[in-house]
Amino acid sequence: MISGEEKNTFVVSALGAVGTGKSSLLNAITGEYTFETGNGVELTTQQVNGITKEWKFAPSLQYCHLIDTPGLIDSSVHDRQSIQEMIKYFKSLQYGVSAFFLVFNINDIRLDAYTQNMLVLFHQLLGKDFWNFVIIVFTHVDEEFRDDLEDNMDAVTASDDGFVAEIRRIYKLSKSFEPSVVFTSTQNVRNSSYTQRHIRELYYAVGMCEARNNGKRFTCNWFKQIMSIPGEEQKSNFIAESIKDAWSSMSNVCQIQ
């Protein structure tokens, strides 16, 4: 967990369904094999992992605390292991977040059910201001295939019926909601100027999130409540109950609809 004193360190969290390339994206940022990766089908990341590393290929020296996640709500939120991982995850964010990476595979640009449910939960717990710190990242945009992916990329950014427009519609966000969208490869980052360029683009997008908040990380009343609780066990119990209450509220809304 990063402390509140490390104010010059970016804190970023990678979120998304299994196989979207979250761990590979974070490895591209560090320029080395930091997080274990899989074959894109089987779940490799089994638990929340966080580490502080230099953001390689940034224009100046910048450290970042990277948080990799498994499928936080792939199974029932009442499953003990899922709850424990979510507790660990939200504890890791209590000192603030520079950006949330929503990671998708450019070859599958649907807003899948897992991600929809996760975003509803985050909206409930963190409040609508969390959206100001969202960066949408599409992976697998490799240089040799980029021309073939133009249609998918256009479908993401289409103003009226594109991917971002769909997010605005589902979550009832303002028309002014225009998150940074980064299309990137994670291949051969040490030698590929193409990949390095897009990892730098992601770096600038994180900086923009903090700049919109007067140079500060995202925080919210719920994070402040977590920080004010003295004991770790009490913190864990509070987070667990908050998650269950939010999930119950979400379920009730679905039943009413």
C-alpha atoms as a PDB file:
ATOM      1  CA  MET A   1       0.000   0.000   0.000  1.00  0.00           C
ATOM      2  CA  ILE A   2       1.285   3.469  -0.796  1.00  0.00           C
ATOM      3  CA  SER A   3       1.345   6.040   2.000  1.00  0.00           C
ATOM      4  CA  GLY A   4      -0.174   9.484   1.902  1.00  0.00           C
ATOM      5  CA  GLU A   5       3.269  11.119   1.980  1.00  0.00           C
ATOM      6  CA  GLU A   6       4.322   9.831  -1.447  1.00  0.00           C
ATOM      7  CA  LYS A   7       2.459  12.628  -3.170  1.00  0.00           C
ATOM      8  CA  ASN A   8       4.626  12.742  -6.283  1.00  0.00           C
ATOM      9  CA  THR A   9       3.942   9.108  -7.112  1.00  0.00           C
ATOM     10  CA  PHE A  10       1.155   8.257  -9.554  1.00  0.00           C
ATOM     11  CA  VAL A  11      -1.288   5.691  -8.175  1.00  0.00           C
ATOM     12  CA  VAL A  12      -2.990   3.784 -10.979  1.00  0.00           C
ATOM     13  CA  SER A  13      -5.335   0.815 -10.946  1.00  0.00           C
ATOM     14  CA  ALA A  14      -5.978  -1.516 -13.894  1.00  0.00           C
ATOM     15  CA  LEU A  15      -9.543  -2.833 -14.090  1.00  0.00           C
ATOM     16  CA  GLY A  16     -11.289  -5.066 -16.579  1.00  0.00           C
ATOM     17  CA  ALA A  17     -12.395  -8.555 -17.470  1.00  0.00           C
ATOM     18  CA  VAL A  18     -10.120 -11.583 -17.800  1.00  0.00           C
ATOM     19  CA  GLY A  19      -7.956 -11.560 -20.924  1.00  0.00           C
ATOM     20  CA  THR A  20      -8.017  -7.846 -21.703  1.00  0.00           C
ATOM     21  CA  GLY A  21      -4.300  -7.401 -21.022  1.00  0.00           C
ATOM     22  CA  LYS A  22      -4.265  -5.585 -17.670  1.00  0.00           C
ATOM     23  CA  SER A  23      -1.069  -7.203 -16.392  1.00  0.00           C
ATOM     24  CA  SER A  24       0.686  -6.822 -19.752  1.00  0.00           C
ATOM     25  CA  LEU A  25      -0.244  -3.136 -19.796  1.00  0.00           C
ATOM     26  CA  LEU A  26       1.286  -2.564 -16.363  1.00  0.00           C
ATOM     27  CA  ASN A  27       4.393  -4.504 -17.442  1.00  0.00           C
ATOM     28  CA  ALA A  28       4.713  -2.186 -20.444  1.00  0.00           C
ATOM     29  CA  ILE A  29       4.665   0.782 -18.075  1.00  0.00           C
ATOM     30  CA  THR A  30       7.532  -0.648 -16.006  1.00  0.00           C
ATOM     31  CA  GLY A  31       9.395  -1.912 -19.057  1.00  0.00           C
ATOM     32  CA  GLU A  32       9.927  -5.306 -17.432  1.00  0.00           C
ATOM     33  CA  TYR A  33       8.104  -8.469 -16.351  1.00  0.00           C
ATOM     34  CA  THR A  34       6.591  -7.139 -13.118  1.00  0.00           C
ATOM     35  CA  PHE A  35       3.209  -8.890 -13.075  1.00  0.00           C
ATOM     36  CA  GLU A  36       2.528 -12.460 -14.152  1.00  0.00           C
ATOM     37  CA  THR A  37       0.668 -12.726 -17.454  1.00  0.00           C
ATOM     38  CA  GLY A  38      -1.391 -15.507 -19.022  1.00  0.00           C
ATOM     39  CA  ASN A  39      -2.639 -16.601 -22.405  1.00  0.00           C
ATOM     40  CA  GLY A  40      -5.650 -14.286 -22.428  1.00  0.00           C
ATOM     41  CA  VAL A  41      -8.162 -17.040 -21.616  1.00  0.00           C
ATOM     42  CA  GLU A  42      -7.352 -18.435 -18.189  1.00  0.00           C
ATOM     43  CA  LEU A  43      -7.278 -16.247 -15.085  1.00  0.00           C
ATOM     44  CA  THR A  44      -3.633 -15.568 -14.178  1.00  0.00           C
ATOM     45  CA  THR A  45      -3.942 -12.754 -11.644  1.00  0.00           C
ATOM     46  CA  GLN A  46      -5.391 -14.475  -8.583  1.00  0.00           C
ATOM     47  CA  GLN A  47      -5.171 -11.607  -6.123  1.00  0.00           C
ATOM     48  CA  VAL A  48      -4.740  -7.863  -5.867  1.00  0.00           C
ATOM     49  CA  ASN A  49      -1.072  -6.932  -6.330  1.00  0.00           C
ATOM     50  CA  GLY A  50       0.553  -3.542  -5.908  1.00  0.00           C
ATOM     51  CA  ILE A  51       4.111  -2.389  -6.498  1.00  0.00           C
ATOM     52  CA  THR A  52       5.916   0.937  -6.879  1.00  0.00           C
ATOM     53  CA  LYS A  53       8.157   1.231  -9.932  1.00  0.00           C
ATOM     54  CA  GLU A  54       9.598   3.824 -12.273  1.00  0.00           C
ATOM     55  CA  TRP A  55       7.347   4.681 -15.226  1.00  0.00           C
ATOM     56  CA  LYS A  56       9.752   3.835 -18.024  1.00  0.00           C
ATOM     57  CA  PHE A  57       9.763   5.865 -21.225  1.00  0.00           C
ATOM     58  CA  ALA A  58       8.161   8.852 -19.452  1.00  0.00           C
ATOM     59  CA  PRO A  59       9.604  12.245 -20.466  1.00  0.00           C
ATOM     60  CA  SER A  60      11.033  12.721 -16.954  1.00  0.00           C
ATOM     61  CA  LEU A  61      11.620  10.586 -13.869  1.00  0.00           C
ATOM     62  CA  GLN A  62       8.244   9.477 -12.513  1.00  0.00           C
ATOM     63  CA  TYR A  63       7.398   6.754 -10.028  1.00  0.00           C
ATOM     64  CA  CYS A  64       4.064   5.008 -10.075  1.00  0.00           C
ATOM     65  CA  HIS A  65       2.259   2.641  -7.730  1.00  0.00           C
ATOM     66  CA  LEU A  66       0.614   0.069  -9.986  1.00  0.00           C
ATOM     67  CA  ILE A  67      -2.326  -2.014  -8.770  1.00  0.00           C
ATOM     68  CA  ASP A  68      -3.193  -5.156 -10.714  1.00  0.00           C
ATOM     69  CA  THR A  69      -6.535  -6.844 -10.089  1.00  0.00           C
ATOM     70  CA  PRO A  70      -8.187 -10.215 -10.654  1.00  0.00           C
ATOM     71  CA  GLY A  71     -11.872 -10.399 -11.539  1.00  0.00           C
ATOM     72  CA  LEU A  72     -13.080  -8.585  -8.436  1.00  0.00           C
ATOM     73  CA  ILE A  73     -16.735  -9.444  -8.965  1.00  0.00           C
ATOM     74  CA  ASP A  74     -16.526 -12.392 -11.344  1.00  0.00           C
ATOM     75  CA  SER A  75     -18.268 -14.552  -8.757  1.00  0.00           C
ATOM     76  CA  SER A  76     -20.896 -13.686  -6.168  1.00  0.00           C
ATOM     77  CA  VAL A  77     -19.925 -10.657  -4.128  1.00  0.00           C
ATOM     78  CA  HIS A  78     -20.838 -12.734  -1.088  1.00  0.00           C
ATOM     79  CA  ASP A  79     -18.064 -15.227  -1.897  1.00  0.00           C
ATOM     80  CA  ARG A  80     -15.489 -14.944   0.894  1.00  0.00           C
ATOM     81  CA  GLN A  81     -12.451 -14.831  -1.389  1.00  0.00           C
ATOM     82  CA  SER A  82     -14.009 -12.145  -3.596  1.00  0.00           C
ATOM     83  CA  ILE A  83     -14.864 -10.040  -0.561  1.00  0.00           C
ATOM     84  CA  GLN A  84     -11.333 -10.370   0.837  1.00  0.00           C
ATOM     85  CA  GLU A  85      -9.764  -9.301  -2.451  1.00  0.00           C
ATOM     86  CA  MET A  86     -12.101  -6.316  -2.716  1.00  0.00           C
ATOM     87  CA  ILE A  87     -11.241  -5.301   0.857  1.00  0.00           C
ATOM     88  CA  LYS A  88      -7.543  -5.509   0.004  1.00  0.00           C
ATOM     89  CA  TYR A  89      -8.132  -3.536  -3.186  1.00  0.00           C
ATOM     90  CA  PHE A  90     -10.037  -0.655  -1.626  1.00  0.00           C
ATOM     91  CA  LYS A  91      -7.559  -0.422   1.250  1.00  0.00           C
ATOM     92  CA  SER A  92      -4.842   0.057  -1.372  1.00  0.00           C
ATOM     93  CA  LEU A  93      -6.724   3.093  -2.725  1.00  0.00           C
ATOM     94  CA  GLN A  94      -7.515   4.898   0.523  1.00  0.00           C
ATOM     95  CA  TYR A  95      -4.732   7.491   0.077  1.00  0.00           C
ATOM     96  CA  GLY A  96      -6.083   8.449  -3.329  1.00  0.00           C
ATOM     97  CA  VAL A  97      -5.943   7.364  -6.964  1.00  0.00           C
ATOM     98  CA  SER A  98      -4.384   9.194  -9.901  1.00  0.00           C
ATOM     99  CA  ALA A  99      -6.313   7.197 -12.499  1.00  0.00           C
ATOM    100  CA  PHE A 100      -8.427   4.111 -13.059  1.00  0.00           C
ATOM    101  CA  PHE A 101      -7.507   2.274 -16.265  1.00  0.00           C
ATOM    102  CA  LEU A 102     -10.537   0.533 -17.776  1.00  0.00           C
ATOM    103  CA  VAL A 103      -8.810  -2.023 -19.968  1.00  0.00           C
ATOM    104  CA  PHE A 104     -10.417  -3.634 -23.022  1.00  0.00           C
ATOM    105  CA  ASN A 105      -9.175  -5.747 -25.909  1.00  0.00           C
ATOM    106  CA  ILE A 106      -9.594  -3.840 -29.185  1.00  0.00           C
ATOM    107  CA  ASN A 107     -10.768  -7.083 -30.804  1.00  0.00           C
ATOM    108  CA  ASP A 108     -13.804  -7.188 -28.494  1.00  0.00           C
ATOM    109  CA  ILE A 109     -15.201  -3.710 -27.915  1.00  0.00           C
ATOM    110  CA  ARG A 110     -18.396  -4.728 -26.156  1.00  0.00           C
ATOM    111  CA  LEU A 111     -19.073  -3.310 -22.706  1.00  0.00           C
ATOM    112  CA  ASP A 112     -19.310  -6.753 -21.113  1.00  0.00           C
ATOM    113  CA  ALA A 113     -21.578  -7.610 -18.169  1.00  0.00           C
ATOM    114  CA  TYR A 114     -18.646  -7.996 -15.758  1.00  0.00           C
ATOM    115  CA  THR A 115     -17.374  -4.483 -16.455  1.00  0.00           C
ATOM    116  CA  GLN A 116     -20.875  -2.988 -16.348  1.00  0.00           C
ATOM    117  CA  ASN A 117     -21.503  -4.467 -12.892  1.00  0.00           C
ATOM    118  CA  MET A 118     -18.080  -3.409 -11.636  1.00  0.00           C
ATOM    119  CA  LEU A 119     -18.627   0.180 -12.772  1.00  0.00           C
ATOM    120  CA  VAL A 120     -22.048   0.334 -11.115  1.00  0.00           C
ATOM    121  CA  LEU A 121     -20.444  -0.819  -7.859  1.00  0.00           C
ATOM    122  CA  PHE A 122     -17.654   1.756  -8.131  1.00  0.00           C
ATOM    123  CA  HIS A 123     -20.175   4.493  -8.922  1.00  0.00           C
ATOM    124  CA  GLN A 124     -22.170   3.528  -5.821  1.00  0.00           C
ATOM    125  CA  LEU A 125     -19.166   3.416  -3.479  1.00  0.00           C
ATOM    126  CA  LEU A 126     -16.973   6.226  -4.819  1.00  0.00           C
ATOM    127  CA  GLY A 127     -19.526   8.668  -6.222  1.00  0.00           C
ATOM    128  CA  LYS A 128     -19.861  10.149  -9.694  1.00  0.00           C
ATOM    129  CA  ASP A 129     -16.605  12.133  -9.449  1.00  0.00           C
ATOM    130  CA  PHE A 130     -14.703   8.875  -9.875  1.00  0.00           C
ATOM    131  CA  TRP A 131     -15.532   9.081 -13.598  1.00  0.00           C
ATOM    132  CA  ASN A 132     -13.255  12.124 -13.902  1.00  0.00           C
ATOM    133  CA  PHE A 133     -10.317   9.803 -13.208  1.00  0.00           C
ATOM    134  CA  VAL A 134     -11.221   7.080 -15.695  1.00  0.00           C
ATOM    135  CA  ILE A 135      -8.937   6.403 -18.663  1.00  0.00           C
ATOM    136  CA  ILE A 136     -10.192   3.916 -21.246  1.00  0.00           C
ATOM    137  CA  VAL A 137      -7.375   1.773 -22.616  1.00  0.00           C
ATOM    138  CA  PHE A 138      -7.637  -0.565 -25.592  1.00  0.00           C
ATOM    139  CA  THR A 139      -4.837  -3.108 -25.809  1.00  0.00           C
ATOM    140  CA  HIS A 140      -3.665  -5.362 -28.653  1.00  0.00           C
ATOM    141  CA  VAL A 141      -3.463  -2.396 -31.032  1.00  0.00           C
ATOM    142  CA  ASP A 142      -0.200  -3.726 -32.403  1.00  0.00           C
ATOM    143  CA  GLU A 143       1.622  -1.747 -35.066  1.00  0.00           C
ATOM    144  CA  GLU A 144       1.394  -4.393 -37.790  1.00  0.00           C
ATOM    145  CA  PHE A 145      -2.391  -4.707 -37.334  1.00  0.00           C
ATOM    146  CA  ARG A 146      -3.300  -1.079 -36.692  1.00  0.00           C
ATOM    147  CA  ASP A 147      -4.664  -0.390 -40.183  1.00  0.00           C
ATOM    148  CA  ASP A 148      -6.925  -3.455 -39.929  1.00  0.00           C
ATOM    149  CA  LEU A 149      -8.293  -2.195 -36.603  1.00  0.00           C
ATOM    150  CA  GLU A 150      -9.382   1.241 -37.829  1.00  0.00           C
ATOM    151  CA  ASP A 151     -13.072   0.250 -37.933  1.00  0.00           C
ATOM    152  CA  ASN A 152     -12.988  -0.899 -34.309  1.00  0.00           C
ATOM    153  CA  MET A 153     -11.183   2.255 -33.247  1.00  0.00           C
ATOM    154  CA  ASP A 154     -13.732   4.421 -35.061  1.00  0.00           C
ATOM    155  CA  ALA A 155     -16.545   2.498 -33.336  1.00  0.00           C
ATOM    156  CA  VAL A 156     -15.057   3.420 -29.965  1.00  0.00           C
ATOM    157  CA  THR A 157     -14.922   7.148 -30.620  1.00  0.00           C
ATOM    158  CA  ALA A 158     -18.106   7.644 -32.695  1.00  0.00           C
ATOM    159  CA  SER A 159     -19.863  10.619 -31.126  1.00  0.00           C
ATOM    160  CA  ASP A 160     -23.472   9.378 -31.123  1.00  0.00           C
ATOM    161  CA  ASP A 161     -23.357   5.600 -30.854  1.00  0.00           C
ATOM    162  CA  GLY A 162     -19.759   4.759 -30.018  1.00  0.00           C
ATOM    163  CA  PHE A 163     -18.278   3.023 -26.999  1.00  0.00           C
ATOM    164  CA  VAL A 164     -17.880   6.183 -24.914  1.00  0.00           C
ATOM    165  CA  ALA A 165     -21.390   7.333 -25.840  1.00  0.00           C
ATOM    166  CA  GLU A 166     -22.707   3.972 -24.612  1.00  0.00           C
ATOM    167  CA  ILE A 167     -20.978   4.466 -21.255  1.00  0.00           C
ATOM    168  CA  ARG A 168     -22.574   7.900 -20.958  1.00  0.00           C
ATOM    169  CA  ARG A 169     -25.981   6.400 -21.684  1.00  0.00           C
ATOM    170  CA  ILE A 170     -25.739   3.429 -19.311  1.00  0.00           C
ATOM    171  CA  TYR A 171     -24.440   5.432 -16.354  1.00  0.00           C
ATOM    172  CA  LYS A 172     -26.426   8.601 -17.073  1.00  0.00           C
ATOM    173  CA  LEU A 173     -23.318  10.743 -17.364  1.00  0.00           C
ATOM    174  CA  SER A 174     -23.142  14.264 -18.702  1.00  0.00           C
ATOM    175  CA  LYS A 175     -22.545  14.813 -22.409  1.00  0.00           C
ATOM    176  CA  SER A 176     -19.384  16.615 -21.337  1.00  0.00           C
ATOM    177  CA  PHE A 177     -17.922  13.304 -20.126  1.00  0.00           C
ATOM    178  CA  GLU A 178     -15.041  12.730 -22.539  1.00  0.00           C
ATOM    179  CA  PRO A 179     -12.434  10.469 -20.940  1.00  0.00           C
ATOM    180  CA  SER A 180      -9.010   9.975 -22.424  1.00  0.00           C
ATOM    181  CA  VAL A 181      -9.019   6.966 -24.753  1.00  0.00           C
ATOM    182  CA  VAL A 182      -5.656   5.342 -25.419  1.00  0.00           C
ATOM    183  CA  PHE A 183      -5.073   2.681 -28.078  1.00  0.00           C
ATOM    184  CA  THR A 184      -1.861   0.820 -27.360  1.00  0.00           C
ATOM    185  CA  SER A 185       0.261  -2.214 -27.918  1.00  0.00           C
ATOM    186  CA  THR A 186       2.139  -3.875 -25.068  1.00  0.00           C
ATOM    187  CA  GLN A 187       4.552  -5.784 -27.301  1.00  0.00           C
ATOM    188  CA  ASN A 188       8.324  -5.336 -27.322  1.00  0.00           C
ATOM    189  CA  VAL A 189       8.156  -2.151 -25.278  1.00  0.00           C
ATOM    190  CA  ARG A 190      11.924  -2.003 -24.729  1.00  0.00           C
ATOM    191  CA  ASN A 191      12.684  -1.717 -28.437  1.00  0.00           C
ATOM    192  CA  SER A 192       9.481  -0.526 -30.110  1.00  0.00           C
ATOM    193  CA  SER A 193       9.202   3.245 -30.482  1.00  0.00           C
ATOM    194  CA  TYR A 194       5.544   2.657 -31.454  1.00  0.00           C
ATOM    195  CA  THR A 195       4.679   0.988 -28.122  1.00  0.00           C
ATOM    196  CA  GLN A 196       6.769   3.474 -26.149  1.00  0.00           C
ATOM    197  CA  ARG A 197       4.911   6.367 -27.780  1.00  0.00           C
ATOM    198  CA  HIS A 198       1.539   5.045 -26.652  1.00  0.00           C
ATOM    199  CA  ILE A 199       2.763   4.267 -23.132  1.00  0.00           C
ATOM    200  CA  ARG A 200       3.871   7.917 -22.962  1.00  0.00           C
ATOM    201  CA  GLU A 201       0.405   8.932 -24.177  1.00  0.00           C
ATOM    202  CA  LEU A 202      -1.018   6.977 -21.247  1.00  0.00           C
ATOM    203  CA  TYR A 203       1.404   8.775 -18.906  1.00  0.00           C
ATOM    204  CA  TYR A 204       0.155  12.161 -20.110  1.00  0.00           C
ATOM    205  CA  ALA A 205      -3.463  11.021 -19.678  1.00  0.00           C
ATOM    206  CA  VAL A 206      -2.789  10.191 -16.008  1.00  0.00           C
ATOM    207  CA  GLY A 207      -1.219  13.610 -15.536  1.00  0.00           C
ATOM    208  CA  MET A 208      -4.322  15.225 -17.040  1.00  0.00           C
ATOM    209  CA  CYS A 209      -6.548  13.425 -14.517  1.00  0.00           C
ATOM    210  CA  GLU A 210      -4.597  14.916 -11.619  1.00  0.00           C
ATOM    211  CA  ALA A 211      -4.313  18.316 -13.325  1.00  0.00           C
ATOM    212  CA  ARG A 212      -8.120  18.550 -13.528  1.00  0.00           C
ATOM    213  CA  ASN A 213      -8.147  18.028  -9.749  1.00  0.00           C
ATOM    214  CA  ASN A 214      -5.633  20.775  -8.944  1.00  0.00           C
ATOM    215  CA  GLY A 215      -2.746  18.346  -9.072  1.00  0.00           C
ATOM    216  CA  LYS A 216      -4.280  15.979  -6.545  1.00  0.00           C
ATOM    217  CA  ARG A 217      -5.356  12.359  -6.642  1.00  0.00           C
ATOM    218  CA  PHE A 218      -8.979  11.308  -6.544  1.00  0.00           C
ATOM    219  CA  THR A 219     -10.474  10.783  -3.115  1.00  0.00           C
ATOM    220  CA  CYS A 220     -14.019  10.621  -1.791  1.00  0.00           C
ATOM    221  CA  ASN A 221     -15.962  10.603   1.458  1.00  0.00           C
ATOM    222  CA  TRP A 222     -15.892   6.812   1.565  1.00  0.00           C
ATOM    223  CA  PHE A 223     -12.075   6.726   1.368  1.00  0.00           C
ATOM    224  CA  LYS A 224     -11.919   9.343   4.131  1.00  0.00           C
ATOM    225  CA  GLN A 225     -14.199   7.201   6.273  1.00  0.00           C
ATOM    226  CA  ILE A 226     -11.898   4.215   5.735  1.00  0.00           C
ATOM    227  CA  MET A 227      -8.847   6.266   6.732  1.00  0.00           C
ATOM    228  CA  SER A 228     -10.546   7.510   9.900  1.00  0.00           C
ATOM    229  CA  ILE A 229     -11.096   3.975  11.239  1.00  0.00           C
ATOM    230  CA  PRO A 230      -8.144   3.079  13.518  1.00  0.00           C
ATOM    231  CA  GLY A 231      -7.943  -0.727  13.385  1.00  0.00           C
ATOM    232  CA  GLU A 232      -7.330  -2.899  10.311  1.00  0.00           C
ATOM    233  CA  GLU A 233     -10.041  -5.378  11.274  1.00  0.00           C
ATOM    234  CA  GLN A 234     -12.555  -2.566  11.747  1.00  0.00           C
ATOM    235  CA  LYS A 235     -11.556  -1.116   8.368  1.00  0.00           C
ATOM    236  CA  SER A 236     -12.081  -4.510   6.752  1.00  0.00           C
ATOM    237  CA  ASN A 237     -15.504  -4.943   8.345  1.00  0.00           C
ATOM    238  CA  PHE A 238     -16.565  -1.451   7.256  1.00  0.00           C
ATOM    239  CA  ILE A 239     -15.460  -2.024   3.654  1.00  0.00           C
ATOM    240  CA  ALA A 240     -17.150  -5.435   3.522  1.00  0.00           C
ATOM    241  CA  GLU A 241     -20.459  -4.060   4.795  1.00  0.00           C
ATOM    242  CA  SER A 242     -20.271  -1.113   2.381  1.00  0.00           C
ATOM    243  CA  ILE A 243     -19.731  -3.475  -0.553  1.00  0.00           C
ATOM    244  CA  LYS A 244     -22.610  -5.732   0.487  1.00  0.00           C
ATOM    245  CA  ASP A 245     -24.937  -2.746   0.993  1.00  0.00           C
ATOM    246  CA  ALA A 246     -24.014  -1.308  -2.409  1.00  0.00           C
ATOM    247  CA  TRP A 247     -24.479  -4.684  -4.089  1.00  0.00           C
ATOM    248  CA  SER A 248     -27.850  -5.137  -2.397  1.00  0.00           C
ATOM    249  CA  SER A 249     -28.927  -1.702  -3.611  1.00  0.00           C
ATOM    250  CA  MET A 250     -27.830  -2.579  -7.149  1.00  0.00           C
ATOM    251  CA  SER A 251     -29.781  -5.855  -7.035  1.00  0.00           C
ATOM    252  CA  ASN A 252     -32.922  -4.077  -5.852  1.00  0.00           C
ATOM    253  CA  VAL A 253     -32.699  -1.561  -8.692  1.00  0.00           C
ATOM    254  CA  CYS A 254     -32.376  -4.407 -11.215  1.00  0.00           C
ATOM    255  CA  GLN A 255     -35.418  -6.151  -9.738  1.00  0.00           C
ATOM    256  CA  ILE A 256     -37.490  -2.957  -9.907  1.00  0.00           C
ATOM    257  CA  GLN A 257     -36.474  -2.419 -13.542  1.00  0.00           C
END
